[in-house]
């Protein structure tokens, strides 16, 4: 008689979110809206505890909902890039100094004398704990922004994102998607070639191994470029329909004006003093840009096969990112000291309750987004056989 273990957690997860397939796959734009919302929240604080919580939320959602596709493996590269950014920021603070005054001297480096025209710039000198802490907070914030973008790259399919773009942005979208897929393909080529060298008993580390791997990687990138160009030419890439001159001018004015409004509004949301005008300018720019893109789509003769629907789950995923961004912007205007711990004098950062609770809303996609097919089925546990008496 076999005694099967309970699969209640797996069954509960499948009730909350079904297994992903072609008809219910989440819209890739929802992942980008969610990730950009987390990025806006990361830009509003220098509190390392809140930034660590944001990075943890993004990592948990990626671990729970990424697939085994090549682009899903790029998340680790973005994490390493974030660590590299933190290290570079600290090195700059040590070598070039910091604008933050401090009294706790960690070390004093030999200072290089500079001419009079380089006043305000120094190389070496005193390295204070306050300057290092300021550089660390700033580096962690930049790393958080990179990791949020990496989460979107790991969760959203570039091909499906390209298919969802308006017709006016198709050519630009192709260039962006090719650029986005360059890093994952490059990482896969390097891993494949290093594994092949290890199987042959050759060194895959150090300068020599890097040089011997670099040439095959470059050759593979060129081959993919030639194959992509041939495929685009065979599919008639670049064809356009005739459009009246008045429509073209109106499209250009609306699109350029809308994009300028989007840039100005985004800058207002990300900056400290632009919260008041940022949201209205961003909304007006989005309306103008969408109208321009709608008109510009007339010149595209492209059709869509089985377009991705924007369903309830996509609204929940995108809404969770927008909610995190909105609540963090409100918290920054309500209690800025909680989001920016003091450096002069040195104070230990604390975890504010309500901003932390707002960040946890970003975990919603881990429970409502469809489960990838390769991780939806629970792993069966070995059956226990009852011994005969």
Protein backbone atom coordinates (compact mmCIF):
# COMPACT_ATOMS: atom_id res chain seq x y z
CA UNK A 1 0.00 0.00 0.00
CA UNK A 2 1.52 3.33 -1.05
CA UNK A 3 1.30 6.44 1.12
CA UNK A 4 1.50 9.60 -1.07
CA UNK A 5 2.56 12.88 0.54
CA UNK A 6 0.29 15.88 0.42
CA UNK A 7 0.72 18.37 -2.42
CA UNK A 8 -1.36 21.13 -0.84
CA UNK A 9 1.18 23.95 -1.45
CA UNK A 10 1.49 23.05 -5.12
CA UNK A 11 -2.28 22.74 -5.50
CA UNK A 12 -2.80 26.10 -3.80
CA UNK A 13 -0.28 27.73 -6.13
CA UNK A 14 -2.02 26.28 -9.18
CA UNK A 15 -5.38 27.58 -7.93
CA UNK A 16 -3.97 31.09 -7.55
CA UNK A 17 -2.12 31.01 -10.88
CA UNK A 18 -2.72 28.45 -13.65
CA UNK A 19 0.01 26.86 -15.68
CA UNK A 20 1.18 29.16 -18.46
CA UNK A 21 0.40 28.27 -22.07
CA UNK A 22 -0.04 30.20 -25.28
CA UNK A 23 -3.58 31.42 -24.62
CA UNK A 24 -3.05 32.77 -21.08
CA UNK A 25 0.60 33.88 -21.20
CA UNK A 26 1.16 37.18 -19.41
CA UNK A 27 1.61 40.22 -21.62
CA UNK A 28 5.33 41.18 -21.69
CA UNK A 29 4.47 44.84 -21.24
CA UNK A 30 3.03 44.04 -17.81
CA UNK A 31 6.41 42.76 -16.65
CA UNK A 32 8.11 45.93 -17.86
CA UNK A 33 5.55 48.17 -16.12
CA UNK A 34 6.05 46.19 -12.91
CA UNK A 35 9.85 46.37 -13.14
CA UNK A 36 9.87 50.08 -13.98
CA UNK A 37 7.60 50.70 -10.98
CA UNK A 38 10.14 48.99 -8.74
CA UNK A 39 12.88 51.05 -10.41
CA UNK A 40 11.03 54.30 -9.67
CA UNK A 41 10.66 53.18 -6.05
CA UNK A 42 14.40 52.42 -5.88
CA UNK A 43 15.23 55.89 -7.20
CA UNK A 44 13.27 57.56 -4.39
CA UNK A 45 15.35 56.21 -1.49
CA UNK A 46 18.93 55.69 -0.36
CA UNK A 47 17.94 53.54 2.62
CA UNK A 48 19.96 50.32 2.15
CA UNK A 49 17.35 48.26 4.01
CA UNK A 50 14.56 49.36 1.67
CA UNK A 51 16.80 48.91 -1.37
CA UNK A 52 17.74 45.43 -0.19
CA UNK A 53 14.05 44.63 0.25
CA UNK A 54 13.33 45.88 -3.28
CA UNK A 55 16.13 43.72 -4.70
CA UNK A 56 14.84 40.75 -2.71
CA UNK A 57 11.29 41.25 -4.06
CA UNK A 58 12.56 41.41 -7.64
CA UNK A 59 14.73 38.32 -7.14
CA UNK A 60 11.89 36.31 -5.59
CA UNK A 61 9.51 37.09 -8.45
CA UNK A 62 12.19 36.21 -11.01
CA UNK A 63 12.92 32.91 -9.24
CA UNK A 64 9.21 32.06 -9.08
CA UNK A 65 8.13 33.04 -12.59
CA UNK A 66 11.06 32.96 -15.01
CA UNK A 67 11.23 30.28 -17.68
CA UNK A 68 14.15 28.25 -19.01
CA UNK A 69 14.43 30.47 -22.13
CA UNK A 70 17.84 31.99 -22.98
CA UNK A 71 16.85 35.53 -22.03
CA UNK A 72 15.76 34.35 -18.56
CA UNK A 73 19.39 33.59 -17.69
CA UNK A 74 20.44 37.23 -18.00
CA UNK A 75 19.27 38.11 -14.48
CA UNK A 76 22.48 36.84 -12.90
CA UNK A 77 24.51 39.02 -15.24
CA UNK A 78 22.58 42.11 -14.13
CA UNK A 79 23.18 41.20 -10.47
CA UNK A 80 26.91 40.93 -11.13
CA UNK A 81 26.79 44.23 -13.01
CA UNK A 82 25.12 45.83 -9.99
CA UNK A 83 27.86 44.54 -7.68
CA UNK A 84 30.44 45.89 -10.10
CA UNK A 85 28.74 49.31 -10.05
CA UNK A 86 28.89 49.35 -6.23
CA UNK A 87 32.59 48.47 -6.29
CA UNK A 88 33.37 51.16 -8.89
CA UNK A 89 31.43 53.77 -6.90
CA UNK A 90 33.44 52.96 -3.78
CA UNK A 91 36.72 53.08 -5.70
CA UNK A 92 35.84 56.52 -7.07
CA UNK A 93 35.01 57.71 -3.55
CA UNK A 94 38.39 56.48 -2.27
CA UNK A 95 40.53 57.75 -5.15
CA UNK A 96 38.72 60.97 -6.15
CA UNK A 97 37.23 61.88 -2.81
CA UNK A 98 33.65 62.60 -1.81
CA UNK A 99 31.69 65.87 -1.57
CA UNK A 100 30.38 64.79 1.83
CA UNK A 101 32.35 66.34 4.71
CA UNK A 102 33.34 63.91 7.41
CA UNK A 103 35.31 63.74 10.63
CA UNK A 104 35.83 59.97 10.91
CA UNK A 105 39.01 59.41 8.87
CA UNK A 106 39.46 55.80 7.76
CA UNK A 107 42.77 56.18 5.90
CA UNK A 108 44.85 58.97 4.43
CA UNK A 109 46.22 58.36 0.92
CA UNK A 110 49.07 60.25 -0.72
CA UNK A 111 47.54 63.24 -2.50
CA UNK A 112 48.58 64.06 -6.05
CA UNK A 113 49.17 67.82 -6.59
CA UNK A 114 46.99 69.23 -9.37
CA UNK A 115 47.23 72.55 -11.27
CA UNK A 116 45.10 75.57 -10.39
CA UNK A 117 42.62 74.97 -13.21
CA UNK A 118 41.67 71.64 -11.57
CA UNK A 119 40.41 73.19 -8.35
CA UNK A 120 37.65 71.16 -6.75
CA UNK A 121 39.15 67.89 -7.99
CA UNK A 122 41.60 65.89 -5.95
CA UNK A 123 43.30 62.51 -6.23
CA UNK A 124 44.06 60.86 -2.93
CA UNK A 125 43.89 62.52 0.45
CA UNK A 126 41.63 61.74 3.39
CA UNK A 127 39.07 58.96 3.09
CA UNK A 128 36.27 59.37 5.60
CA UNK A 129 33.64 56.94 6.79
CA UNK A 130 30.92 59.44 5.85
CA UNK A 131 32.15 59.64 2.26
CA UNK A 132 32.37 55.86 1.94
CA UNK A 133 28.87 55.42 3.36
CA UNK A 134 27.46 58.02 0.96
CA UNK A 135 29.13 56.23 -1.97
CA UNK A 136 27.82 52.86 -0.76
CA UNK A 137 24.23 54.12 -0.50
CA UNK A 138 24.46 55.70 -3.95
CA UNK A 139 25.98 52.56 -5.46
CA UNK A 140 23.30 50.32 -3.95
CA UNK A 141 20.61 52.55 -5.43
CA UNK A 142 22.18 52.33 -8.91
CA UNK A 143 22.53 48.57 -8.50
CA UNK A 144 18.86 48.33 -7.55
CA UNK A 145 17.85 50.14 -10.73
CA UNK A 146 19.96 47.77 -12.84
CA UNK A 147 18.55 44.70 -11.10
CA UNK A 148 14.97 45.89 -11.69
CA UNK A 149 15.73 46.24 -15.40
CA UNK A 150 17.36 42.80 -15.32
CA UNK A 151 14.20 41.35 -13.79
CA UNK A 152 12.15 42.66 -16.72
CA UNK A 153 14.68 41.20 -19.17
CA UNK A 154 14.48 37.81 -17.45
CA UNK A 155 10.67 37.67 -17.31
CA UNK A 156 9.47 39.28 -20.57
CA UNK A 157 9.99 37.57 -23.92
CA UNK A 158 11.74 40.01 -26.30
CA UNK A 159 10.04 38.50 -29.35
CA UNK A 160 6.56 38.85 -27.83
CA UNK A 161 7.38 42.36 -26.64
CA UNK A 162 8.34 43.31 -30.20
CA UNK A 163 5.09 41.88 -31.51
CA UNK A 164 3.13 44.00 -29.03
CA UNK A 165 4.71 47.30 -30.10
CA UNK A 166 2.69 49.74 -32.23
CA UNK A 167 3.34 49.68 -35.95
CA UNK A 168 5.06 53.09 -35.87
CA UNK A 169 7.74 51.71 -33.53
CA UNK A 170 8.30 48.42 -35.29
CA UNK A 171 11.67 49.30 -36.85
CA UNK A 172 12.92 50.88 -33.62
CA UNK A 173 11.56 47.92 -31.67
CA UNK A 174 13.49 45.47 -33.82
CA UNK A 175 16.72 47.32 -33.08
CA UNK A 176 15.94 47.39 -29.34
CA UNK A 177 15.04 43.69 -29.23
CA UNK A 178 18.22 42.75 -31.08
CA UNK A 179 20.21 44.81 -28.57
CA UNK A 180 18.35 43.21 -25.65
CA UNK A 181 19.01 39.67 -26.88
CA UNK A 182 22.69 40.37 -27.54
CA UNK A 183 23.76 40.00 -23.89
CA UNK A 184 21.91 36.67 -23.22
CA UNK A 185 23.23 35.14 -26.46
CA UNK A 186 26.74 36.34 -25.66
CA UNK A 187 26.57 34.81 -22.19
CA UNK A 188 25.31 31.51 -23.62
CA UNK A 189 28.14 31.43 -26.18
CA UNK A 190 30.76 32.07 -23.51
CA UNK A 191 29.32 29.35 -21.25
CA UNK A 192 29.14 26.86 -24.13
CA UNK A 193 32.71 27.52 -25.26
CA UNK A 194 34.11 27.37 -21.74
CA UNK A 195 32.35 24.05 -21.15
CA UNK A 196 33.77 22.71 -24.42
CA UNK A 197 37.30 23.78 -23.41
CA UNK A 198 36.94 22.10 -20.03
CA UNK A 199 35.83 18.87 -21.70
CA UNK A 200 38.96 18.99 -23.85
CA UNK A 201 41.17 19.55 -20.82
CA UNK A 202 42.09 23.12 -21.74
CA UNK A 203 42.22 26.16 -19.49
CA UNK A 204 39.05 28.30 -19.54
CA UNK A 205 40.12 30.95 -17.03
CA UNK A 206 42.64 33.75 -17.02
CA UNK A 207 43.73 36.10 -19.79
CA UNK A 208 44.78 33.28 -22.12
CA UNK A 209 41.48 31.44 -21.79
CA UNK A 210 39.54 34.68 -22.30
CA UNK A 211 41.46 35.50 -25.48
CA UNK A 212 40.95 32.03 -26.92
CA UNK A 213 37.21 32.13 -26.17
CA UNK A 214 36.73 35.68 -27.48
CA UNK A 215 37.37 34.92 -31.16
CA UNK A 216 34.75 32.11 -31.46
CA UNK A 217 32.25 34.31 -29.60
CA UNK A 218 32.85 37.16 -32.06
CA UNK A 219 32.51 34.75 -34.97
CA UNK A 220 29.20 33.46 -33.62
CA UNK A 221 27.89 37.02 -33.18
CA UNK A 222 28.75 37.85 -36.80
CA UNK A 223 27.05 34.67 -38.04
CA UNK A 224 23.89 35.53 -36.13
CA UNK A 225 23.96 39.05 -37.56
CA UNK A 226 24.19 37.76 -41.13
CA UNK A 227 21.40 35.22 -40.52
CA UNK A 228 19.21 37.90 -38.94
CA UNK A 229 19.77 40.29 -41.87
CA UNK A 230 18.83 37.55 -44.35
CA UNK A 231 15.69 36.68 -42.40
CA UNK A 232 14.61 40.33 -42.17
CA UNK A 233 15.18 40.83 -45.89
CA UNK A 234 13.19 37.70 -46.73
CA UNK A 235 10.26 38.95 -44.64
CA UNK A 236 10.16 42.36 -46.34
CA UNK A 237 11.43 44.36 -43.41
CA UNK A 238 11.14 48.11 -43.98
CA UNK A 239 8.08 48.18 -46.27
CA UNK A 240 5.72 51.11 -45.71
CA UNK A 241 2.38 52.28 -47.07
CA UNK A 242 1.84 55.76 -48.64
CA UNK A 243 0.62 58.35 -46.10
CA UNK A 244 -0.48 61.98 -46.80
CA UNK A 245 2.00 64.72 -45.91
CA UNK A 246 -0.36 66.33 -43.40
CA UNK A 247 -0.71 63.10 -41.47
CA UNK A 248 3.08 62.67 -41.41
CA UNK A 249 3.62 66.17 -40.01
CA UNK A 250 0.89 65.74 -37.38
CA UNK A 251 2.36 62.40 -36.40
CA UNK A 252 5.84 63.88 -36.02
CA UNK A 253 4.59 66.78 -33.87
CA UNK A 254 2.49 64.56 -31.60
CA UNK A 255 5.16 61.87 -31.24
CA UNK A 256 8.10 64.20 -30.59
CA UNK A 257 6.09 66.46 -28.28
CA UNK A 258 4.70 63.47 -26.42
CA UNK A 259 8.10 61.87 -25.97
CA UNK A 260 9.53 65.15 -24.68
CA UNK A 261 6.65 65.32 -22.21
CA UNK A 262 7.28 61.73 -21.13
CA UNK A 263 10.98 62.50 -20.57
CA UNK A 264 10.20 65.68 -18.61
CA UNK A 265 7.53 63.94 -16.53
CA UNK A 266 9.77 60.95 -15.80
CA UNK A 267 12.55 63.30 -14.72
CA UNK A 268 10.10 65.06 -12.44
CA UNK A 269 9.03 61.78 -10.84
CA UNK A 270 12.62 60.64 -10.34
CA UNK A 271 13.92 63.97 -9.00
CA UNK A 272 13.32 65.24 -5.50
CA UNK A 273 11.60 68.52 -6.36
CA UNK A 274 9.54 67.52 -9.39
CA UNK A 275 6.80 65.47 -7.77
CA UNK A 276 4.21 68.21 -8.27
CA UNK A 277 4.56 68.62 -12.04
CA UNK A 278 5.94 65.19 -12.92
CA UNK A 279 2.70 63.20 -13.02
CA UNK A 280 0.58 65.71 -15.06
CA UNK A 281 3.36 66.26 -17.60
CA UNK A 282 3.91 62.52 -17.88
CA UNK A 283 0.18 61.88 -18.43
CA UNK A 284 -0.09 64.60 -21.10
CA UNK A 285 3.04 63.32 -22.84
CA UNK A 286 1.72 59.77 -22.86
CA UNK A 287 -1.59 60.86 -24.40
CA UNK A 288 0.17 62.86 -27.14
CA UNK A 289 2.69 60.11 -27.83
CA UNK A 290 0.00 57.42 -28.05
CA UNK A 291 -2.01 59.57 -30.47
CA UNK A 292 1.08 60.09 -32.60
CA UNK A 293 1.89 56.39 -32.58
CA UNK A 294 -1.70 55.60 -33.54
CA UNK A 295 -1.45 57.87 -36.57
CA UNK A 296 2.04 56.65 -37.41
CA UNK A 297 0.85 53.06 -37.48
CA UNK A 298 -0.98 53.77 -40.77
CA UNK A 299 2.28 53.52 -42.71
CA UNK A 300 2.95 50.02 -41.42
CA UNK A 301 1.74 47.14 -43.58
CA UNK A 302 2.53 44.60 -40.89
CA UNK A 303 -0.13 42.32 -39.41
CA UNK A 304 -0.16 40.50 -36.07
CA UNK A 305 -0.74 36.79 -35.69
CA UNK A 306 -2.39 35.82 -32.40
CA UNK A 307 -1.74 39.07 -30.46
CA UNK A 308 -1.11 38.81 -26.72
CA UNK A 309 -4.19 39.87 -24.71
CA UNK A 310 -3.92 42.25 -21.78
CA UNK A 311 -6.02 40.41 -19.23
CA UNK A 312 -6.85 40.69 -15.55
CA UNK A 313 -3.57 39.12 -14.44
CA UNK A 314 -1.59 41.60 -16.56
CA UNK A 315 -3.48 44.45 -14.86
CA UNK A 316 -2.66 42.98 -11.44
CA UNK A 317 1.04 42.61 -12.26
CA UNK A 318 1.34 46.08 -13.76
CA UNK A 319 -0.81 47.59 -11.01
CA UNK A 320 1.43 46.15 -8.29
CA UNK A 321 4.47 47.90 -9.78
CA UNK A 322 2.56 51.17 -10.17
CA UNK A 323 1.32 50.89 -6.58
CA UNK A 324 4.84 50.40 -5.25
CA UNK A 325 6.09 53.44 -7.19
CA UNK A 326 3.14 55.63 -6.17
CA UNK A 327 3.35 54.72 -2.48
CA UNK A 328 7.10 55.32 -2.39
CA UNK A 329 6.67 58.73 -4.05
CA UNK A 330 4.03 59.59 -1.44
CA UNK A 331 6.29 58.35 1.37
CA UNK A 332 9.17 60.47 0.04
CA UNK A 333 7.02 63.59 0.23
CA UNK A 334 5.50 62.66 3.59
CA UNK A 335 8.58 61.50 5.54
CA UNK A 336 11.77 61.98 3.53
CA UNK A 337 14.06 61.34 6.50
CA UNK A 338 12.93 57.70 6.72
CA UNK A 339 13.91 57.09 3.09
CA UNK A 340 17.23 58.93 3.32
CA UNK A 341 19.15 57.95 6.47
CA UNK A 342 21.57 60.51 7.84
CA UNK A 343 25.25 60.41 6.97
CA UNK A 344 26.54 63.50 8.80
CA UNK A 345 26.44 62.65 11.64
CA UNK A 346 26.66 58.90 11.16
CA UNK A 347 23.38 57.16 12.01
CA UNK A 348 22.31 53.57 11.57
CA UNK A 349 19.51 53.13 8.98
CA UNK A 350 16.15 51.90 10.19
CA UNK A 351 13.43 50.05 8.30
CA UNK A 352 10.29 52.24 8.06
CA UNK A 353 7.13 50.18 8.34
CA UNK A 354 4.82 51.65 5.71
CA UNK A 355 7.38 51.98 2.87
CA UNK A 356 8.47 48.39 3.55
CA UNK A 357 4.85 47.22 3.39
CA UNK A 358 4.43 49.13 0.12
CA UNK A 359 7.44 47.35 -1.39
CA UNK A 360 6.00 43.97 -0.44
CA UNK A 361 3.07 44.69 -2.79
CA UNK A 362 5.58 43.99 -5.56
CA UNK A 363 5.46 40.30 -4.61
CA UNK A 364 1.96 39.98 -6.10
CA UNK A 365 3.20 38.74 -9.53
CA UNK A 366 4.78 35.71 -7.83
CA UNK A 367 1.27 34.54 -6.93
CA UNK A 368 -1.01 35.76 -9.75
CA UNK A 369 1.17 35.44 -12.87
CA UNK A 370 0.81 32.12 -14.71
CA UNK A 371 3.30 29.48 -13.58
CA UNK A 372 5.88 28.55 -16.26
CA UNK A 373 5.27 25.16 -17.78
CA UNK A 374 8.68 23.82 -16.78
CA UNK A 375 8.07 24.56 -13.08
CA UNK A 376 4.31 24.12 -12.71
CA UNK A 377 4.30 20.38 -12.08
CA UNK A 378 5.39 19.43 -8.56
CA UNK A 379 8.24 16.97 -8.27
CA UNK A 380 6.81 13.64 -7.10
CA UNK A 381 8.22 12.33 -3.85
CA UNK A 382 9.35 8.74 -3.66
CA UNK A 383 6.55 6.44 -2.50
CA UNK A 384 6.89 4.70 0.81
CA UNK A 385 6.07 1.00 0.70
CA UNK A 386 4.62 -0.62 3.78
CA UNK A 387 6.76 -3.54 4.94
CA UNK A 388 4.98 -6.91 5.33
CA UNK A 389 4.46 -8.00 8.90
